[in-house]
Amino acid sequence: MTETVTVPQSVSNPDVAAGVAQFLSPVVVDLTAIVVNGKQAHWHVRGANFVGVHELLDTIVAHAQGWADTAAERIVALGLPVDARLSTVAATTSTKELTPGFRQSNDTITEMIAQLDAALASVNTAVAELDELDQTSQDVAIEIARGLDKDRWFLFAHISE
């Protein structure tokens, strides 16, 4: 008869869990900030290409929410908690605050690209640091980096010449 283990995986290796949390928690925070800031930008974008940018921002928000969930669930699966409360996100995110109010689409896009770049820095750190620590968690970070790069490209295409 096989015995089922009912403790988190981190009990067998708490150093791995702590390391994963150290590098994926900032990713969760930055992606959560993108969710909030992306909706803010979505509501306030103006300009000739309003519809395209408005809809793209919704897609980016949905992606960021999904990736934040994936990264958070990886940490929790290893037995550690995640703190992505709005107060924590506001205090610790590496993203910058958006300019309030209505914005022309080019300005909105530029600010959102900066948001993605900040998150990509956290994600790329996670990819590098998780390489020897936990390749399954590194895989999560690689998936997020690939998606953020694509979303950044889609935004950049609207303002590139």
N, C-alpha and C. Protein backbone atom coordinates (compact mmCIF):
# COMPACT_ATOMS: atom_id res chain seq x y z
N MET A 1 0.84 -1.18 0.00
CA MET A 1 0.00 0.00 0.00
C MET A 1 0.89 1.25 0.00
N THR A 2 0.56 2.20 -0.87
CA THR A 2 1.32 3.45 -0.97
C THR A 2 0.74 4.47 0.00
N GLU A 3 1.64 5.15 0.70
CA GLU A 3 1.19 6.17 1.63
C GLU A 3 1.18 7.53 0.94
N THR A 4 0.11 8.28 1.08
CA THR A 4 -0.01 9.61 0.49
C THR A 4 0.58 10.64 1.44
N VAL A 5 1.46 11.47 0.92
CA VAL A 5 2.07 12.53 1.71
C VAL A 5 1.14 13.74 1.66
N THR A 6 0.80 14.28 2.82
CA THR A 6 -0.16 15.39 2.87
C THR A 6 0.46 16.67 3.40
N VAL A 7 1.76 16.81 3.22
CA VAL A 7 2.43 18.04 3.61
C VAL A 7 2.94 18.73 2.35
N PRO A 8 3.10 20.05 2.38
CA PRO A 8 3.62 20.74 1.21
C PRO A 8 5.00 20.23 0.82
N GLN A 9 5.34 20.33 -0.44
CA GLN A 9 6.61 19.88 -0.95
C GLN A 9 7.77 20.57 -0.26
N SER A 10 7.56 21.81 0.20
CA SER A 10 8.65 22.58 0.81
C SER A 10 9.16 21.96 2.10
N VAL A 11 8.35 21.11 2.75
CA VAL A 11 8.80 20.48 3.98
C VAL A 11 10.04 19.65 3.71
N SER A 12 10.11 19.04 2.53
CA SER A 12 11.28 18.23 2.20
C SER A 12 12.48 19.09 1.82
N ASN A 13 12.24 20.31 1.36
CA ASN A 13 13.35 21.22 1.02
C ASN A 13 12.93 22.67 1.22
N PRO A 14 12.97 23.14 2.46
CA PRO A 14 12.54 24.51 2.74
C PRO A 14 13.42 25.58 2.09
N ASP A 15 14.68 25.28 1.81
CA ASP A 15 15.55 26.26 1.16
C ASP A 15 15.10 26.53 -0.27
N VAL A 16 14.67 25.49 -0.96
CA VAL A 16 14.16 25.66 -2.32
C VAL A 16 12.90 26.52 -2.30
N ALA A 17 11.98 26.20 -1.41
CA ALA A 17 10.74 26.97 -1.32
C ALA A 17 11.03 28.44 -1.02
N ALA A 18 11.91 28.70 -0.08
CA ALA A 18 12.25 30.08 0.27
C ALA A 18 12.89 30.81 -0.91
N GLY A 19 13.75 30.13 -1.64
CA GLY A 19 14.38 30.74 -2.80
C GLY A 19 13.37 31.04 -3.90
N VAL A 20 12.48 30.10 -4.14
CA VAL A 20 11.44 30.31 -5.15
C VAL A 20 10.58 31.51 -4.76
N ALA A 21 10.18 31.56 -3.51
CA ALA A 21 9.36 32.68 -3.03
C ALA A 21 10.12 34.00 -3.15
N GLN A 22 11.40 33.98 -2.87
CA GLN A 22 12.22 35.20 -2.95
C GLN A 22 12.21 35.77 -4.37
N PHE A 23 12.23 34.91 -5.37
CA PHE A 23 12.34 35.39 -6.75
C PHE A 23 11.00 35.47 -7.48
N LEU A 24 10.02 34.68 -7.09
CA LEU A 24 8.71 34.77 -7.76
C LEU A 24 7.77 35.77 -7.10
N SER A 25 7.95 36.06 -5.82
CA SER A 25 7.06 37.04 -5.15
C SER A 25 7.12 38.42 -5.80
N PRO A 26 8.30 38.95 -6.14
CA PRO A 26 8.32 40.25 -6.83
C PRO A 26 7.62 40.19 -8.19
N VAL A 27 7.66 39.04 -8.83
CA VAL A 27 6.96 38.85 -10.11
C VAL A 27 5.46 38.96 -9.89
N VAL A 28 4.96 38.30 -8.86
CA VAL A 28 3.53 38.36 -8.53
C VAL A 28 3.13 39.81 -8.25
N VAL A 29 3.93 40.51 -7.48
CA VAL A 29 3.63 41.90 -7.13
C VAL A 29 3.61 42.79 -8.37
N ASP A 30 4.62 42.68 -9.21
CA ASP A 30 4.68 43.52 -10.41
C ASP A 30 3.55 43.20 -11.38
N LEU A 31 3.22 41.94 -11.54
CA LEU A 31 2.11 41.59 -12.43
C LEU A 31 0.77 42.06 -11.88
N THR A 32 0.61 42.01 -10.57
CA THR A 32 -0.62 42.52 -9.96
C THR A 32 -0.73 44.03 -10.17
N ALA A 33 0.40 44.74 -10.09
CA ALA A 33 0.40 46.17 -10.37
C ALA A 33 0.00 46.44 -11.82
N ILE A 34 0.47 45.60 -12.74
CA ILE A 34 0.09 45.75 -14.14
C ILE A 34 -1.41 45.54 -14.33
N VAL A 35 -1.99 44.63 -13.59
CA VAL A 35 -3.44 44.40 -13.67
C VAL A 35 -4.17 45.69 -13.31
N VAL A 36 -3.82 46.28 -12.19
CA VAL A 36 -4.50 47.50 -11.73
C VAL A 36 -4.20 48.67 -12.66
N ASN A 37 -2.94 48.88 -12.98
CA ASN A 37 -2.55 50.00 -13.82
C ASN A 37 -3.03 49.83 -15.26
N GLY A 38 -3.06 48.61 -15.73
CA GLY A 38 -3.55 48.36 -17.08
C GLY A 38 -5.02 48.69 -17.22
N LYS A 39 -5.81 48.40 -16.21
CA LYS A 39 -7.23 48.78 -16.26
C LYS A 39 -7.37 50.30 -16.19
N GLN A 40 -6.56 50.95 -15.39
CA GLN A 40 -6.58 52.40 -15.32
C GLN A 40 -6.29 53.00 -16.70
N ALA A 41 -5.27 52.49 -17.35
CA ALA A 41 -4.90 52.96 -18.68
C ALA A 41 -6.02 52.65 -19.68
N HIS A 42 -6.58 51.49 -19.59
CA HIS A 42 -7.68 51.04 -20.46
C HIS A 42 -8.87 51.99 -20.41
N TRP A 43 -9.22 52.43 -19.22
CA TRP A 43 -10.38 53.32 -19.05
C TRP A 43 -10.11 54.73 -19.57
N HIS A 44 -8.86 55.14 -19.60
CA HIS A 44 -8.54 56.54 -19.86
C HIS A 44 -7.81 56.82 -21.16
N VAL A 45 -7.61 55.80 -21.99
CA VAL A 45 -6.90 56.01 -23.24
C VAL A 45 -7.77 56.80 -24.22
N ARG A 46 -7.12 57.66 -24.99
CA ARG A 46 -7.79 58.48 -26.00
C ARG A 46 -6.97 58.46 -27.27
N GLY A 47 -7.59 58.81 -28.40
CA GLY A 47 -6.84 58.97 -29.64
C GLY A 47 -7.46 58.20 -30.80
N ALA A 48 -6.85 58.39 -31.96
CA ALA A 48 -7.38 57.81 -33.19
C ALA A 48 -7.39 56.29 -33.16
N ASN A 49 -6.43 55.68 -32.47
CA ASN A 49 -6.40 54.22 -32.39
C ASN A 49 -6.96 53.71 -31.06
N PHE A 50 -7.93 54.44 -30.54
CA PHE A 50 -8.53 54.11 -29.24
C PHE A 50 -8.95 52.65 -29.14
N VAL A 51 -9.75 52.18 -30.08
CA VAL A 51 -10.32 50.83 -29.96
C VAL A 51 -9.23 49.77 -29.87
N GLY A 52 -8.25 49.84 -30.76
CA GLY A 52 -7.18 48.85 -30.75
C GLY A 52 -6.40 48.84 -29.45
N VAL A 53 -6.04 50.02 -28.96
CA VAL A 53 -5.26 50.11 -27.72
C VAL A 53 -6.13 49.73 -26.52
N HIS A 54 -7.36 50.20 -26.50
CA HIS A 54 -8.31 49.88 -25.42
C HIS A 54 -8.45 48.36 -25.28
N GLU A 55 -8.67 47.69 -26.40
CA GLU A 55 -8.85 46.23 -26.36
C GLU A 55 -7.54 45.50 -26.04
N LEU A 56 -6.43 45.98 -26.57
CA LEU A 56 -5.14 45.37 -26.27
C LEU A 56 -4.82 45.46 -24.78
N LEU A 57 -5.15 46.59 -24.17
CA LEU A 57 -4.90 46.73 -22.74
C LEU A 57 -5.70 45.72 -21.93
N ASP A 58 -6.92 45.43 -22.35
CA ASP A 58 -7.70 44.39 -21.67
C ASP A 58 -7.02 43.03 -21.79
N THR A 59 -6.47 42.74 -22.95
CA THR A 59 -5.76 41.48 -23.15
C THR A 59 -4.53 41.40 -22.26
N ILE A 60 -3.78 42.49 -22.19
CA ILE A 60 -2.58 42.54 -21.35
C ILE A 60 -2.95 42.35 -19.88
N VAL A 61 -4.02 42.97 -19.45
CA VAL A 61 -4.49 42.80 -18.07
C VAL A 61 -4.84 41.34 -17.79
N ALA A 62 -5.54 40.72 -18.72
CA ALA A 62 -5.93 39.31 -18.53
C ALA A 62 -4.68 38.42 -18.47
N HIS A 63 -3.72 38.68 -19.34
CA HIS A 63 -2.47 37.90 -19.31
C HIS A 63 -1.75 38.09 -17.98
N ALA A 64 -1.60 39.33 -17.54
CA ALA A 64 -0.90 39.61 -16.28
C ALA A 64 -1.58 38.93 -15.10
N GLN A 65 -2.91 38.94 -15.09
CA GLN A 65 -3.65 38.28 -14.01
C GLN A 65 -3.37 36.78 -14.02
N GLY A 66 -3.40 36.19 -15.19
CA GLY A 66 -3.13 34.76 -15.29
C GLY A 66 -1.73 34.39 -14.87
N TRP A 67 -0.75 35.18 -15.31
CA TRP A 67 0.64 34.89 -14.94
C TRP A 67 0.89 35.13 -13.46
N ALA A 68 0.27 36.15 -12.89
CA ALA A 68 0.41 36.38 -11.44
C ALA A 68 -0.13 35.17 -10.69
N ASP A 69 -1.25 34.66 -11.14
CA ASP A 69 -1.86 33.50 -10.50
C ASP A 69 -0.95 32.28 -10.62
N THR A 70 -0.37 32.07 -11.78
CA THR A 70 0.53 30.94 -11.99
C THR A 70 1.75 31.03 -11.06
N ALA A 71 2.36 32.20 -10.99
CA ALA A 71 3.53 32.37 -10.14
C ALA A 71 3.17 32.21 -8.66
N ALA A 72 2.04 32.80 -8.26
CA ALA A 72 1.61 32.70 -6.86
C ALA A 72 1.30 31.24 -6.50
N GLU A 73 0.63 30.55 -7.39
CA GLU A 73 0.29 29.15 -7.11
C GLU A 73 1.54 28.28 -7.01
N ARG A 74 2.59 28.61 -7.74
CA ARG A 74 3.84 27.85 -7.62
C ARG A 74 4.43 28.02 -6.23
N ILE A 75 4.43 29.25 -5.73
CA ILE A 75 4.94 29.51 -4.38
C ILE A 75 4.10 28.77 -3.33
N VAL A 76 2.80 28.88 -3.46
CA VAL A 76 1.90 28.24 -2.50
C VAL A 76 2.01 26.72 -2.57
N ALA A 77 2.20 26.18 -3.78
CA ALA A 77 2.36 24.73 -3.92
C ALA A 77 3.59 24.22 -3.17
N LEU A 78 4.57 25.10 -3.01
CA LEU A 78 5.77 24.74 -2.25
C LEU A 78 5.61 24.99 -0.75
N GLY A 79 4.43 25.47 -0.36
CA GLY A 79 4.12 25.58 1.06
C GLY A 79 4.30 26.93 1.69
N LEU A 80 4.55 27.97 0.89
CA LEU A 80 4.74 29.30 1.45
C LEU A 80 3.62 30.24 1.01
N PRO A 81 3.32 31.25 1.83
CA PRO A 81 2.26 32.20 1.47
C PRO A 81 2.78 33.27 0.50
N VAL A 82 1.84 33.94 -0.14
CA VAL A 82 2.15 35.06 -1.05
C VAL A 82 1.40 36.27 -0.53
N ASP A 83 2.03 37.42 -0.56
CA ASP A 83 1.37 38.66 -0.15
C ASP A 83 1.23 39.58 -1.36
N ALA A 84 0.05 39.59 -1.95
CA ALA A 84 -0.23 40.47 -3.08
C ALA A 84 -1.42 41.36 -2.77
N ARG A 85 -1.56 41.71 -1.49
CA ARG A 85 -2.59 42.68 -1.12
C ARG A 85 -2.25 44.01 -1.76
N LEU A 86 -3.25 44.81 -2.06
CA LEU A 86 -3.01 46.07 -2.74
C LEU A 86 -2.02 46.96 -2.00
N SER A 87 -2.08 46.97 -0.67
CA SER A 87 -1.14 47.80 0.08
C SER A 87 0.29 47.30 -0.11
N THR A 88 0.48 46.01 -0.15
CA THR A 88 1.81 45.44 -0.37
C THR A 88 2.28 45.73 -1.79
N VAL A 89 1.39 45.56 -2.76
CA VAL A 89 1.74 45.83 -4.15
C VAL A 89 2.15 47.29 -4.30
N ALA A 90 1.35 48.19 -3.76
CA ALA A 90 1.66 49.62 -3.88
C ALA A 90 3.00 49.97 -3.24
N ALA A 91 3.33 49.31 -2.15
CA ALA A 91 4.56 49.63 -1.42
C ALA A 91 5.81 48.97 -2.01
N THR A 92 5.64 47.87 -2.76
CA THR A 92 6.83 47.10 -3.16
C THR A 92 7.01 46.90 -4.66
N THR A 93 6.05 47.28 -5.47
CA THR A 93 6.21 47.05 -6.91
C THR A 93 7.35 47.86 -7.50
N SER A 94 7.97 47.32 -8.52
CA SER A 94 9.02 48.06 -9.22
C SER A 94 8.44 48.87 -10.38
N THR A 95 7.13 48.74 -10.62
CA THR A 95 6.49 49.54 -11.67
C THR A 95 6.28 50.96 -11.16
N LYS A 96 6.20 51.89 -12.09
CA LYS A 96 5.97 53.29 -11.72
C LYS A 96 4.48 53.60 -11.79
N GLU A 97 4.07 54.58 -11.00
CA GLU A 97 2.68 55.02 -11.01
C GLU A 97 2.35 55.66 -12.36
N LEU A 98 1.16 55.37 -12.86
CA LEU A 98 0.71 55.97 -14.12
C LEU A 98 0.29 57.41 -13.90
N THR A 99 0.40 58.19 -14.96
CA THR A 99 -0.13 59.55 -14.92
C THR A 99 -1.65 59.46 -14.82
N PRO A 100 -2.28 60.20 -13.92
CA PRO A 100 -3.73 60.10 -13.77
C PRO A 100 -4.48 60.79 -14.92
N GLY A 101 -5.73 60.41 -15.08
CA GLY A 101 -6.62 61.07 -16.04
C GLY A 101 -6.49 60.54 -17.45
N PHE A 102 -7.16 61.22 -18.36
CA PHE A 102 -7.17 60.82 -19.75
C PHE A 102 -5.81 61.06 -20.38
N ARG A 103 -5.41 60.13 -21.25
CA ARG A 103 -4.09 60.20 -21.89
C ARG A 103 -4.23 59.82 -23.35
N GLN A 104 -3.47 60.48 -24.19
CA GLN A 104 -3.42 60.10 -25.59
C GLN A 104 -2.79 58.70 -25.69
N SER A 105 -3.19 57.97 -26.69
CA SER A 105 -2.78 56.57 -26.79
C SER A 105 -1.26 56.40 -26.80
N ASN A 106 -0.53 57.26 -27.50
CA ASN A 106 0.93 57.12 -27.53
C ASN A 106 1.54 57.26 -26.14
N ASP A 107 1.01 58.19 -25.34
CA ASP A 107 1.49 58.37 -23.97
C ASP A 107 1.11 57.16 -23.10
N THR A 108 -0.09 56.68 -23.28
CA THR A 108 -0.55 55.50 -22.54
C THR A 108 0.33 54.31 -22.87
N ILE A 109 0.60 54.10 -24.14
CA ILE A 109 1.43 52.97 -24.58
C ILE A 109 2.83 53.08 -23.99
N THR A 110 3.41 54.27 -24.04
CA THR A 110 4.75 54.47 -23.49
C THR A 110 4.79 54.13 -22.00
N GLU A 111 3.78 54.57 -21.27
CA GLU A 111 3.74 54.27 -19.83
C GLU A 111 3.53 52.77 -19.57
N MET A 112 2.70 52.13 -20.38
CA MET A 112 2.46 50.70 -20.18
C MET A 112 3.68 49.88 -20.59
N ILE A 113 4.42 50.31 -21.59
CA ILE A 113 5.66 49.61 -21.94
C ILE A 113 6.63 49.69 -20.76
N ALA A 114 6.69 50.84 -20.10
CA ALA A 114 7.55 50.97 -18.92
C ALA A 114 7.10 50.02 -17.81
N GLN A 115 5.80 49.83 -17.68
CA GLN A 115 5.27 48.87 -16.69
C GLN A 115 5.75 47.45 -17.02
N LEU A 116 5.63 47.09 -18.29
CA LEU A 116 6.06 45.75 -18.71
C LEU A 116 7.56 45.59 -18.54
N ASP A 117 8.32 46.63 -18.86
CA ASP A 117 9.78 46.56 -18.70
C ASP A 117 10.18 46.33 -17.24
N ALA A 118 9.50 47.00 -16.33
CA ALA A 118 9.78 46.81 -14.90
C ALA A 118 9.49 45.37 -14.49
N ALA A 119 8.35 44.85 -14.93
CA ALA A 119 8.00 43.47 -14.61
C ALA A 119 8.99 42.50 -15.26
N LEU A 120 9.38 42.79 -16.49
CA LEU A 120 10.35 41.92 -17.17
C LEU A 120 11.69 41.86 -16.42
N ALA A 121 12.08 42.96 -15.82
CA ALA A 121 13.32 42.94 -15.03
C ALA A 121 13.20 41.96 -13.87
N SER A 122 12.06 41.98 -13.17
CA SER A 122 11.83 41.04 -12.07
C SER A 122 11.77 39.61 -12.57
N VAL A 123 11.10 39.42 -13.69
CA VAL A 123 10.96 38.08 -14.26
C VAL A 123 12.32 37.55 -14.73
N ASN A 124 13.11 38.39 -15.39
CA ASN A 124 14.42 37.95 -15.87
C ASN A 124 15.35 37.63 -14.71
N THR A 125 15.24 38.35 -13.62
CA THR A 125 16.00 38.00 -12.42
C THR A 125 15.59 36.62 -11.93
N ALA A 126 14.27 36.38 -11.91
CA ALA A 126 13.78 35.06 -11.47
C ALA A 126 14.29 33.96 -12.39
N VAL A 127 14.25 34.19 -13.70
CA VAL A 127 14.75 33.18 -14.64
C VAL A 127 16.21 32.85 -14.34
N ALA A 128 17.03 33.87 -14.16
CA ALA A 128 18.46 33.65 -13.91
C ALA A 128 18.72 32.96 -12.57
N GLU A 129 18.04 33.41 -11.54
CA GLU A 129 18.32 32.90 -10.19
C GLU A 129 17.71 31.52 -9.93
N LEU A 130 16.64 31.19 -10.63
CA LEU A 130 15.98 29.90 -10.40
C LEU A 130 16.63 28.77 -11.20
N ASP A 131 17.56 29.09 -12.07
CA ASP A 131 18.18 28.10 -12.95
C ASP A 131 18.71 26.89 -12.19
N GLU A 132 19.49 27.13 -11.17
CA GLU A 132 20.07 26.02 -10.41
C GLU A 132 19.26 25.68 -9.17
N LEU A 133 18.32 26.53 -8.82
CA LEU A 133 17.54 26.33 -7.60
C LEU A 133 16.35 25.40 -7.83
N ASP A 134 15.55 25.70 -8.87
CA ASP A 134 14.34 24.91 -9.11
C ASP A 134 13.89 25.14 -10.56
N GLN A 135 14.17 24.20 -11.41
CA GLN A 135 13.88 24.38 -12.82
C GLN A 135 12.39 24.41 -13.14
N THR A 136 11.57 23.79 -12.33
CA THR A 136 10.13 23.88 -12.54
C THR A 136 9.66 25.31 -12.33
N SER A 137 10.16 25.95 -11.29
CA SER A 137 9.81 27.35 -11.04
C SER A 137 10.44 28.26 -12.09
N GLN A 138 11.64 27.93 -12.54
CA GLN A 138 12.26 28.69 -13.62
C GLN A 138 11.39 28.62 -14.88
N ASP A 139 10.82 27.47 -15.13
CA ASP A 139 9.94 27.29 -16.28
C ASP A 139 8.74 28.24 -16.21
N VAL A 140 8.20 28.42 -15.02
CA VAL A 140 7.10 29.37 -14.82
C VAL A 140 7.57 30.77 -15.20
N ALA A 141 8.74 31.16 -14.73
CA ALA A 141 9.27 32.49 -15.03
C ALA A 141 9.55 32.66 -16.53
N ILE A 142 10.06 31.62 -17.17
CA ILE A 142 10.33 31.69 -18.61
C ILE A 142 9.02 31.88 -19.38
N GLU A 143 7.99 31.17 -19.00
CA GLU A 143 6.68 31.32 -19.65
C GLU A 143 6.17 32.76 -19.52
N ILE A 144 6.32 33.33 -18.35
CA ILE A 144 5.88 34.70 -18.12
C ILE A 144 6.72 35.68 -18.95
N ALA A 145 8.03 35.48 -18.99
CA ALA A 145 8.90 36.36 -19.78
C ALA A 145 8.51 36.33 -21.25
N ARG A 146 8.26 35.15 -21.76
CA ARG A 146 7.89 35.01 -23.16
C ARG A 146 6.59 35.77 -23.45
N GLY A 147 5.63 35.66 -22.57
CA GLY A 147 4.35 36.35 -22.76
C GLY A 147 4.47 37.86 -22.62
N LEU A 148 5.24 38.32 -21.64
CA LEU A 148 5.43 39.76 -21.47
C LEU A 148 6.15 40.36 -22.67
N ASP A 149 7.13 39.64 -23.19
CA ASP A 149 7.83 40.11 -24.39
C ASP A 149 6.86 40.28 -25.55
N LYS A 150 5.96 39.34 -25.71
CA LYS A 150 4.99 39.41 -26.81
C LYS A 150 4.03 40.58 -26.60
N ASP A 151 3.52 40.74 -25.38
CA ASP A 151 2.61 41.86 -25.11
C ASP A 151 3.33 43.19 -25.32
N ARG A 152 4.58 43.26 -24.92
CA ARG A 152 5.36 44.49 -25.12
C ARG A 152 5.51 44.78 -26.61
N TRP A 153 5.77 43.78 -27.39
CA TRP A 153 5.90 43.92 -28.84
C TRP A 153 4.60 44.46 -29.44
N PHE A 154 3.46 43.90 -29.02
CA PHE A 154 2.16 44.36 -29.53
C PHE A 154 1.93 45.83 -29.20
N LEU A 155 2.28 46.25 -27.99
CA LEU A 155 2.15 47.66 -27.63
C LEU A 155 3.10 48.52 -28.46
N PHE A 156 4.36 48.10 -28.51
CA PHE A 156 5.38 48.88 -29.21
C PHE A 156 5.04 49.07 -30.69
N ALA A 157 4.39 48.09 -31.30
CA ALA A 157 4.02 48.17 -32.71
C ALA A 157 3.09 49.37 -32.98
N HIS A 158 2.35 49.79 -31.97
CA HIS A 158 1.44 50.93 -32.14
C HIS A 158 2.17 52.26 -32.23
N ILE A 159 3.38 52.34 -31.68
CA ILE A 159 4.09 53.63 -31.65
C ILE A 159 5.38 53.62 -32.46
N SER A 160 5.79 52.45 -32.95
CA SER A 160 7.05 52.39 -33.70
C SER A 160 6.84 52.98 -35.10
N GLU A 161 7.92 53.47 -35.65
CA GLU A 161 7.86 54.08 -36.99
C GLU A 161 8.56 53.21 -37.99
